[in-house]
Amino acid sequence: MAQTVCVIVSASDKARLEAIVADRNRLQKHVERARVVLASARGYPVQRVAAQLGVSRPMVWRWQRRFAEKGVAGLLRDKARKPGKAPIAAETVARVVAMTCAPPPHQATHWTGRAMAKAAGISLRSVQRIWDAHQLQPHRVRTFKRSKDPHFATKLIDIVGLYVDPPAHAVVLSIDEKSQIQALDRTQPGLPLKPGRCGTMTHDYKRHGTTTLFAALNILDGSVIGRCMQQHRHEEFIRFLNDVERAVPAGKVIEAVVDNYATHKHPKVKTWLARHPRWTFHFTPTSGSWLSAVENFFSALTRKRILRGSFHSIVDLQAAIKRYIAEHNVEPRPFVWKASAAAILAKLGRAPAPSE
């Protein structure tokens, strides 16, 4: 491309161009174009203008020609680009959405992007854009389970009431046991975390036995009473209840939320409760472990201390659990239940009815 335009700037155009250069709120590209034209009007060759302003020669030629054709207004307006690929028709989008929500062919469990692209006759990226726009994720699935307990609503209202509005002069505890915690020892040390590389651990391991953690979560302050034992029979459960009995101040009523594990309903446990009248058990509905607040503590314990741990013995595992409980109790956080019983029942009402 050679220089074919002689740039002549009138007094009025020069004033407008200088105003554009002086305006600090102007877009940088507009200022740069105005400088190109002003420098060209001084009679400088293209090579000098490009070197002085730090731009390419084709850019100088382009804006010289644009100014000659359309004046100052041409510098402030970009030409419309050629249209790109035509957008997907609304009928095609609706068909992809409808097919995604319907069962896939050939007894497949779900649609894949490539299968949908082939069936709809469009590209994989187009399918992905349609799915993103309509928040469709056929590769994901969420599980659910409805309780068949005939007294589900009564138990739900009772337990949620304890969480949301605990009785005065009472301690609300969520009690449960985490059984079969394995003391796993990796066969060799893993590599530490480094930039660009995650930590490693061996796939194989050695078993050194199991332990059971009995825990009671105080709803009001979030503290935990815990004890590890080798088994989880009613004898161990009663020993743990005695530990809790000694830990809770005298004069406090104890409202305990427990699940339906047979140990919790053993005749000797009922006898123990009869001898300790300040205790009251509130049983969660069947298939309703999500109502047990201490399960949140068990989940955090597993993620933060057990899952990636390497333990040389049961004693080593139990010591790690005790340290975690002690650290948790340094700064406990109260358990906060936000959903009302009515909201939970309304949500469950929208789920499919349980099969017999």
Protein backbone atom coordinates (compact mmCIF):
# COMPACT_ATOMS: atom_id res chain seq x y z
CA MET A 1 0.00 0.00 0.00
CA ALA A 2 1.40 3.37 -0.98
CA GLN A 3 0.47 6.83 0.15
CA THR A 4 -2.20 8.10 -2.23
CA VAL A 5 -3.80 10.82 -0.08
CA CYS A 6 -2.58 14.31 0.57
CA VAL A 7 -3.97 15.34 3.93
CA ILE A 8 -5.27 18.91 4.03
CA VAL A 9 -6.85 20.03 7.29
CA SER A 10 -9.02 23.14 7.50
CA ALA A 11 -8.85 25.47 10.48
CA SER A 12 -12.15 24.20 11.88
CA ASP A 13 -11.11 20.52 11.48
CA LYS A 14 -7.74 21.27 13.09
CA ALA A 15 -9.48 22.81 16.11
CA ARG A 16 -11.73 19.77 16.45
CA LEU A 17 -8.78 17.37 16.17
CA GLU A 18 -6.76 19.29 18.77
CA ALA A 19 -9.79 19.26 21.09
CA ILE A 20 -10.01 15.48 20.72
CA VAL A 21 -6.32 15.09 21.59
CA ALA A 22 -6.66 17.37 24.63
CA ASP A 23 -9.80 15.63 25.94
CA ARG A 24 -8.70 13.21 28.68
CA ASN A 25 -12.06 11.45 28.64
CA ARG A 26 -11.81 10.49 24.98
CA LEU A 27 -11.22 6.90 23.92
CA GLN A 28 -7.54 6.28 23.29
CA LYS A 29 -8.18 5.04 19.76
CA HIS A 30 -9.88 8.35 18.84
CA VAL A 31 -6.95 10.35 20.24
CA GLU A 32 -4.47 8.20 18.30
CA ARG A 33 -6.35 8.69 15.02
CA ALA A 34 -6.51 12.48 15.54
CA ARG A 35 -2.75 12.59 16.14
CA VAL A 36 -2.15 10.64 12.91
CA VAL A 37 -4.12 13.19 10.89
CA LEU A 38 -2.51 16.21 12.60
CA ALA A 39 0.98 14.82 11.99
CA SER A 40 0.12 14.05 8.36
CA ALA A 41 -1.19 17.61 7.88
CA ARG A 42 2.28 18.92 8.73
CA GLY A 43 3.58 17.23 5.58
CA TYR A 44 5.50 14.47 7.37
CA PRO A 45 6.06 11.25 5.38
CA VAL A 46 4.20 8.13 6.45
CA GLN A 47 7.35 6.49 7.84
CA ARG A 48 8.02 9.46 10.15
CA VAL A 49 4.40 9.68 11.34
CA ALA A 50 4.36 5.97 12.14
CA ALA A 51 7.68 6.13 14.01
CA GLN A 52 6.74 9.27 15.91
CA LEU A 53 3.38 7.91 17.13
CA GLY A 54 4.50 4.29 17.56
CA VAL A 55 1.98 2.84 15.11
CA SER A 56 2.21 0.88 11.87
CA ARG A 57 2.33 2.40 8.41
CA PRO A 58 -0.88 0.64 7.28
CA MET A 59 -2.66 2.29 10.19
CA VAL A 60 -1.43 5.74 9.07
CA TRP A 61 -2.61 5.08 5.51
CA ARG A 62 -5.97 3.80 6.73
CA TRP A 63 -6.83 6.91 8.77
CA GLN A 64 -5.47 9.31 6.19
CA ARG A 65 -7.87 7.81 3.67
CA ARG A 66 -10.78 7.73 6.15
CA PHE A 67 -10.27 11.43 7.00
CA ALA A 68 -10.12 12.33 3.33
CA GLU A 69 -13.37 10.46 2.65
CA LYS A 70 -15.48 11.28 5.76
CA GLY A 71 -13.70 14.01 7.67
CA VAL A 72 -13.36 14.15 11.46
CA ALA A 73 -16.61 12.20 11.96
CA GLY A 74 -15.07 9.24 10.12
CA LEU A 75 -12.32 9.04 12.73
CA LEU A 76 -14.83 8.67 15.56
CA ARG A 77 -16.92 5.89 14.06
CA ASP A 78 -15.67 2.37 13.27
CA LYS A 79 -16.90 0.64 10.18
CA ALA A 80 -19.37 -2.13 10.76
CA ARG A 81 -17.75 -5.55 10.55
CA LYS A 82 -18.97 -8.22 8.22
CA PRO A 83 -21.63 -10.37 9.88
CA GLY A 84 -20.30 -13.57 11.35
CA LYS A 85 -21.94 -16.94 11.44
CA ALA A 86 -25.72 -16.76 11.38
CA PRO A 87 -27.30 -17.38 14.81
CA ILE A 88 -28.99 -20.68 15.46
CA ALA A 89 -32.68 -20.60 14.63
CA ALA A 90 -35.12 -20.40 17.53
CA GLU A 91 -36.77 -23.62 16.31
CA THR A 92 -33.45 -25.45 16.57
CA VAL A 93 -32.83 -24.11 20.07
CA ALA A 94 -36.31 -25.20 21.20
CA ARG A 95 -35.77 -28.63 19.67
CA VAL A 96 -32.44 -29.10 21.47
CA VAL A 97 -33.99 -28.08 24.80
CA ALA A 98 -36.95 -30.43 24.30
CA MET A 99 -34.70 -33.34 23.29
CA THR A 100 -32.42 -32.74 26.28
CA CYS A 101 -35.38 -32.97 28.67
CA ALA A 102 -36.59 -36.18 27.02
CA PRO A 103 -35.04 -39.67 27.36
CA PRO A 104 -32.05 -40.20 25.04
CA PRO A 105 -32.12 -42.90 22.34
CA HIS A 106 -30.52 -46.35 22.36
CA GLN A 107 -31.23 -46.91 26.10
CA ALA A 108 -28.56 -44.38 27.08
CA THR A 109 -28.85 -43.00 30.62
CA HIS A 110 -28.37 -39.35 29.61
CA TRP A 111 -27.56 -37.08 26.71
CA THR A 112 -23.95 -36.23 25.92
CA GLY A 113 -22.89 -33.13 24.02
CA ARG A 114 -21.66 -35.05 20.99
CA ALA A 115 -24.75 -37.24 20.86
CA MET A 116 -26.97 -34.15 20.95
CA ALA A 117 -24.88 -32.38 18.30
CA LYS A 118 -25.23 -35.38 16.00
CA ALA A 119 -28.97 -35.71 16.60
CA ALA A 120 -29.66 -31.97 16.15
CA GLY A 121 -27.27 -31.46 13.23
CA ILE A 122 -25.31 -28.64 14.87
CA SER A 123 -21.84 -28.30 16.36
CA LEU A 124 -20.85 -29.44 19.82
CA ARG A 125 -20.06 -25.87 20.84
CA SER A 126 -23.53 -24.76 19.77
CA VAL A 127 -25.07 -27.46 21.95
CA GLN A 128 -22.93 -26.34 24.88
CA ARG A 129 -24.03 -22.71 24.41
CA ILE A 130 -27.71 -23.71 24.33
CA TRP A 131 -27.31 -25.83 27.46
CA ASP A 132 -25.51 -23.00 29.27
CA ALA A 133 -28.17 -20.47 28.29
CA HIS A 134 -30.97 -22.73 29.57
CA GLN A 135 -29.04 -24.04 32.62
CA LEU A 136 -29.20 -27.64 31.42
CA GLN A 137 -26.67 -30.12 32.82
CA PRO A 138 -27.67 -33.61 31.66
CA HIS A 139 -24.41 -35.12 32.96
CA ARG A 140 -25.35 -34.27 36.54
CA VAL A 141 -27.92 -35.91 38.81
CA ARG A 142 -29.02 -35.22 42.37
CA THR A 143 -30.16 -38.02 44.65
CA PHE A 144 -33.00 -37.83 47.16
CA LYS A 145 -34.80 -40.09 49.57
CA ARG A 146 -38.14 -39.61 51.26
CA SER A 147 -38.82 -40.99 54.67
CA LYS A 148 -41.57 -43.59 55.05
CA ASP A 149 -41.94 -42.84 58.74
CA PRO A 150 -45.69 -42.41 59.46
CA HIS A 151 -44.82 -39.87 62.17
CA PHE A 152 -42.37 -37.95 60.00
CA ALA A 153 -44.10 -34.56 60.30
CA THR A 154 -44.48 -34.81 64.09
CA LYS A 155 -40.83 -35.73 64.60
CA LEU A 156 -39.67 -33.06 62.14
CA ILE A 157 -41.61 -30.30 63.90
CA ASP A 158 -40.33 -31.49 67.28
CA ILE A 159 -36.63 -31.51 66.31
CA VAL A 160 -36.70 -28.31 64.25
CA GLY A 161 -38.45 -26.63 67.17
CA LEU A 162 -35.56 -27.64 69.44
CA TYR A 163 -33.02 -26.22 67.00
CA VAL A 164 -34.84 -22.95 66.28
CA ASP A 165 -36.30 -22.22 69.71
CA PRO A 166 -34.59 -24.35 72.40
CA PRO A 167 -36.36 -24.52 75.78
CA ALA A 168 -35.17 -22.27 78.58
CA HIS A 169 -32.79 -23.82 81.14
CA ALA A 170 -32.15 -26.75 78.80
CA VAL A 171 -29.18 -28.11 76.88
CA VAL A 172 -29.99 -29.40 73.38
CA LEU A 173 -27.57 -32.10 72.25
CA SER A 174 -27.30 -33.94 68.95
CA ILE A 175 -25.86 -37.37 69.77
CA ASP A 176 -24.64 -40.02 67.38
CA GLU A 177 -21.73 -42.35 66.72
CA LYS A 178 -19.40 -42.52 63.74
CA SER A 179 -18.50 -46.18 63.49
CA GLN A 180 -15.87 -48.09 61.52
CA ILE A 181 -13.34 -45.26 61.31
CA GLN A 182 -10.36 -47.01 59.74
CA ALA A 183 -6.76 -46.45 60.81
CA LEU A 184 -5.22 -46.51 57.34
CA ASP A 185 -1.48 -46.25 56.87
CA ARG A 186 -0.12 -45.44 53.40
CA THR A 187 2.55 -47.80 52.07
CA GLN A 188 4.96 -44.91 51.42
CA PRO A 189 5.04 -41.14 51.96
CA GLY A 190 3.40 -38.94 49.35
CA LEU A 191 4.84 -35.88 47.64
CA PRO A 192 3.91 -32.42 48.98
CA LEU A 193 1.88 -29.79 47.21
CA LYS A 194 3.88 -27.58 44.80
CA PRO A 195 3.00 -24.85 42.29
CA GLY A 196 1.53 -26.54 39.26
CA ARG A 197 1.30 -29.94 40.97
CA CYS A 198 -1.11 -31.29 43.57
CA GLY A 199 -0.05 -33.39 46.51
CA THR A 200 0.12 -37.15 46.07
CA MET A 201 -0.61 -40.22 48.17
CA THR A 202 -0.37 -43.91 47.42
CA HIS A 203 -3.46 -45.76 46.28
CA ASP A 204 -2.72 -48.81 48.44
CA TYR A 205 -2.63 -48.82 52.23
CA LYS A 206 -2.34 -50.94 55.36
CA ARG A 207 -5.24 -51.44 57.77
CA HIS A 208 -4.56 -51.16 61.48
CA GLY A 209 -8.11 -51.66 62.75
CA THR A 210 -11.10 -49.42 63.37
CA THR A 211 -12.54 -47.25 66.10
CA THR A 212 -15.94 -45.71 66.85
CA LEU A 213 -16.43 -42.08 67.82
CA PHE A 214 -19.35 -41.21 70.09
CA ALA A 215 -20.08 -37.49 69.94
CA ALA A 216 -22.58 -35.01 71.37
CA LEU A 217 -22.88 -31.57 69.75
CA ASN A 218 -24.20 -28.75 71.93
CA ILE A 219 -26.55 -26.76 69.71
CA LEU A 220 -26.30 -23.56 71.75
CA ASP A 221 -22.51 -23.06 71.74
CA GLY A 222 -21.28 -25.62 69.18
CA SER A 223 -18.97 -27.46 71.58
CA VAL A 224 -18.53 -31.23 71.22
CA ILE A 225 -18.17 -33.99 73.79
CA GLY A 226 -16.45 -36.97 72.17
CA ARG A 227 -15.07 -40.35 73.11
CA CYS A 228 -13.53 -43.12 71.00
CA MET A 229 -14.36 -46.76 71.77
CA GLN A 230 -13.63 -50.06 70.07
CA GLN A 231 -17.29 -51.08 69.63
CA HIS A 232 -20.66 -49.36 69.44
CA ARG A 233 -22.94 -51.60 71.49
CA HIS A 234 -25.41 -50.42 74.09
CA GLU A 235 -22.73 -50.86 76.80
CA GLU A 236 -20.46 -48.30 75.11
CA PHE A 237 -23.39 -46.00 74.45
CA ILE A 238 -24.37 -46.00 78.13
CA ARG A 239 -20.76 -45.25 79.13
CA PHE A 240 -20.80 -42.28 76.77
CA LEU A 241 -24.14 -41.08 78.21
CA ASN A 242 -22.51 -41.15 81.64
CA ASP A 243 -19.69 -38.97 80.29
CA VAL A 244 -22.21 -36.47 78.95
CA GLU A 245 -24.17 -36.58 82.21
CA ARG A 246 -21.05 -35.58 84.14
CA ALA A 247 -20.15 -32.84 81.65
CA VAL A 248 -23.52 -31.07 81.63
CA PRO A 249 -24.03 -28.81 84.68
CA ALA A 250 -26.54 -29.94 87.27
CA GLY A 251 -29.98 -28.36 87.06
CA LYS A 252 -29.99 -28.34 83.26
CA VAL A 253 -32.58 -30.35 81.35
CA ILE A 254 -31.01 -32.37 78.52
CA GLU A 255 -32.91 -32.64 75.23
CA ALA A 256 -31.04 -35.20 73.11
CA VAL A 257 -31.64 -35.69 69.37
CA VAL A 258 -30.71 -39.26 68.35
CA ASP A 259 -31.36 -41.49 65.36
CA ASN A 260 -33.16 -44.83 65.25
CA TYR A 261 -30.12 -47.09 65.67
CA ALA A 262 -31.09 -50.15 67.72
CA THR A 263 -28.52 -49.33 70.42
CA HIS A 264 -30.37 -46.11 71.25
CA LYS A 265 -33.59 -48.05 71.96
CA HIS A 266 -32.05 -50.94 73.90
CA PRO A 267 -33.95 -51.90 77.10
CA LYS A 268 -30.92 -51.11 79.25
CA VAL A 269 -30.69 -47.67 77.67
CA LYS A 270 -34.37 -47.11 78.49
CA THR A 271 -33.64 -48.18 82.05
CA TRP A 272 -30.76 -45.71 82.21
CA LEU A 273 -33.07 -42.94 80.98
CA ALA A 274 -35.60 -43.83 83.66
CA ARG A 275 -32.88 -43.34 86.30
CA HIS A 276 -31.96 -39.95 84.81
CA PRO A 277 -35.24 -38.03 84.50
CA ARG A 278 -33.63 -34.84 83.20
CA TRP A 279 -32.88 -36.65 79.93
CA THR A 280 -35.35 -36.79 77.01
CA PHE A 281 -34.64 -38.55 73.73
CA HIS A 282 -36.04 -37.08 70.48
CA PHE A 283 -35.76 -39.63 67.68
CA THR A 284 -35.24 -38.47 64.10
CA PRO A 285 -37.56 -39.92 61.46
CA THR A 286 -36.38 -43.00 59.60
CA SER A 287 -34.16 -42.01 56.65
CA GLY A 288 -33.85 -38.59 58.26
CA SER A 289 -30.20 -38.45 59.29
CA TRP A 290 -30.01 -34.95 57.76
CA LEU A 291 -31.89 -33.76 60.86
CA SER A 292 -28.96 -34.81 63.08
CA ALA A 293 -26.77 -31.74 63.60
CA VAL A 294 -23.74 -33.73 64.73
CA GLU A 295 -23.49 -35.22 61.22
CA ASN A 296 -22.06 -31.85 60.11
CA PHE A 297 -19.29 -32.25 62.67
CA PHE A 298 -18.58 -35.80 61.48
CA SER A 299 -18.35 -34.55 57.90
CA ALA A 300 -15.83 -31.82 58.82
CA LEU A 301 -13.80 -34.28 60.88
CA THR A 302 -13.60 -36.71 57.95
CA ARG A 303 -12.54 -34.05 55.44
CA LYS A 304 -10.04 -32.22 57.61
CA ARG A 305 -8.42 -34.93 59.71
CA ILE A 306 -9.18 -38.48 58.55
CA LEU A 307 -9.58 -38.71 54.77
CA ARG A 308 -6.00 -37.81 53.86
CA GLY A 309 -4.44 -38.93 57.13
CA SER A 310 -1.93 -41.74 57.59
CA PHE A 311 -2.23 -43.55 60.92
CA HIS A 312 0.21 -46.17 62.18
CA SER A 313 -2.20 -47.63 64.76
CA ILE A 314 -5.62 -47.24 66.31
CA VAL A 315 -4.05 -45.25 69.12
CA ASP A 316 -2.60 -42.85 66.54
CA LEU A 317 -6.04 -42.45 64.93
CA GLN A 318 -7.79 -41.87 68.25
CA ALA A 319 -5.18 -39.28 69.26
CA ALA A 320 -5.79 -37.39 66.01
CA ILE A 321 -9.55 -37.39 66.62
CA LYS A 322 -9.10 -36.16 70.19
CA ARG A 323 -6.83 -33.35 69.02
CA TYR A 324 -9.40 -32.28 66.43
CA ILE A 325 -12.18 -32.18 69.05
CA ALA A 326 -9.96 -30.16 71.40
CA GLU A 327 -9.11 -27.69 68.62
CA HIS A 328 -12.78 -27.43 67.64
CA ASN A 329 -13.78 -26.63 71.23
CA VAL A 330 -11.31 -23.75 71.47
CA GLU A 331 -13.51 -21.60 69.22
CA PRO A 332 -16.82 -23.43 68.73
CA ARG A 333 -19.59 -21.91 66.66
CA PRO A 334 -23.28 -22.27 67.59
CA PHE A 335 -25.34 -24.50 65.32
CA VAL A 336 -27.85 -22.38 63.36
CA TRP A 337 -30.86 -24.02 61.74
CA LYS A 338 -32.53 -21.73 59.20
CA ALA A 339 -35.30 -23.73 57.49
CA SER A 340 -38.69 -23.84 59.16
CA ALA A 341 -40.62 -27.09 59.49
CA ALA A 342 -43.37 -25.70 57.26
CA ALA A 343 -40.89 -24.87 54.49
CA ILE A 344 -39.36 -28.36 54.67
CA LEU A 345 -42.75 -30.05 54.50
CA ALA A 346 -43.75 -27.87 51.54
CA LYS A 347 -40.56 -28.79 49.70
CA LEU A 348 -41.00 -32.50 50.41
CA GLY A 349 -44.55 -32.22 49.13
CA ARG A 350 -43.17 -31.42 45.67
CA ALA A 351 -41.02 -34.57 45.59
CA PRO A 352 -42.33 -37.90 44.25
CA ALA A 353 -44.23 -40.00 46.76
CA PRO A 354 -42.22 -42.93 48.22
CA SER A 355 -42.94 -46.33 46.70
CA GLU A 356 -44.21 -49.08 48.93
